[in-house]
Amino acid sequence: MLPTGRWMASSSTDQTVRIWDTHDAKLRCVLEAHENWVWSVDVSPVGNYLASGDSGGTVKIWTYSES
């Protein structure tokens, strides 16, 4: 869950990270850059970075804004 509680990130076997709106359960964004299953996602304590890790050992760092 992102710091404001408004958005949630999920990992997927289709090589994507999905950002969901927790207020209406709608998909807001799909992040595509991995070449393997995305196994984990985590958000920085400050709340402006999201890290995703895949089954091949690659970690991607994403920047985002909740606006």
Protein backbone atom coordinates (compact mmCIF):
# COMPACT_ATOMS: atom_id res chain seq x y z
CA MET A 1 0.00 0.00 0.00
CA LEU A 2 1.33 3.42 -0.88
CA PRO A 3 1.69 5.90 2.00
CA THR A 4 -1.61 7.76 1.59
CA GLY A 5 -3.56 4.50 1.55
CA ARG A 6 -5.22 5.50 -1.72
CA TRP A 7 -3.20 3.20 -4.00
CA MET A 8 -1.98 -0.38 -3.79
CA ALA A 9 0.66 -2.12 -5.93
CA SER A 10 0.58 -5.80 -6.92
CA SER A 11 3.09 -8.05 -8.64
CA SER A 12 2.21 -10.52 -11.39
CA THR A 13 3.41 -13.55 -13.32
CA ASP A 14 2.72 -11.62 -16.55
CA GLN A 15 5.87 -9.50 -15.93
CA THR A 16 3.97 -6.41 -14.77
CA VAL A 17 3.32 -4.33 -11.68
CA ARG A 18 -0.24 -3.05 -11.33
CA ILE A 19 -1.34 0.04 -9.42
CA TRP A 20 -4.88 -0.14 -7.99
CA ASP A 21 -7.14 2.52 -6.51
CA THR A 22 -8.23 1.24 -3.09
CA HIS A 23 -11.32 3.48 -3.03
CA ASP A 24 -13.03 1.95 -6.07
CA ALA A 25 -10.87 -1.16 -6.76
CA LYS A 26 -10.10 0.00 -10.30
CA LEU A 27 -6.83 -0.62 -12.09
CA ARG A 28 -5.05 2.72 -12.53
CA CYS A 29 -1.72 1.84 -14.11
CA VAL A 30 0.27 -1.11 -15.46
CA LEU A 31 4.06 -0.88 -15.28
CA GLU A 32 5.81 -3.03 -17.88
CA ALA A 33 9.58 -3.48 -17.95
CA HIS A 34 10.42 -6.89 -16.48
CA GLU A 35 11.42 -9.93 -18.51
CA ASN A 36 10.44 -12.45 -15.80
CA TRP A 37 7.65 -12.98 -13.26
CA VAL A 38 7.45 -10.06 -10.84
CA TRP A 39 7.67 -11.60 -7.38
CA SER A 40 7.64 -8.59 -5.10
CA VAL A 41 6.94 -4.89 -4.82
CA ASP A 42 7.78 -2.45 -2.04
CA VAL A 43 7.34 1.27 -1.48
CA SER A 44 9.95 3.64 -0.07
CA PRO A 45 9.23 5.15 3.38
CA VAL A 46 9.05 8.61 1.81
CA GLY A 47 6.48 7.29 -0.65
CA ASN A 48 7.75 8.45 -4.01
CA TYR A 49 9.58 5.30 -5.13
CA LEU A 50 8.37 1.79 -5.78
CA ALA A 51 10.75 -1.16 -6.22
CA SER A 52 9.82 -4.35 -8.03
CA GLY A 53 11.85 -7.55 -8.16
CA ASP A 54 11.50 -10.41 -10.61
CA SER A 55 12.33 -14.11 -10.68
CA GLY A 56 15.48 -13.46 -12.73
CA GLY A 57 16.97 -11.27 -10.01
CA THR A 58 16.28 -7.92 -11.68
CA VAL A 59 15.12 -5.02 -9.51
CA LYS A 60 13.43 -2.00 -11.08
CA ILE A 61 12.98 1.34 -9.30
CA TRP A 62 9.94 3.37 -10.30
CA THR A 63 9.13 6.97 -9.39
CA TYR A 64 5.53 8.04 -9.06
CA SER A 65 3.18 10.74 -7.98
CA GLU A 66 -0.33 10.26 -6.61
CA SER A 67 -1.68 13.29 -8.44
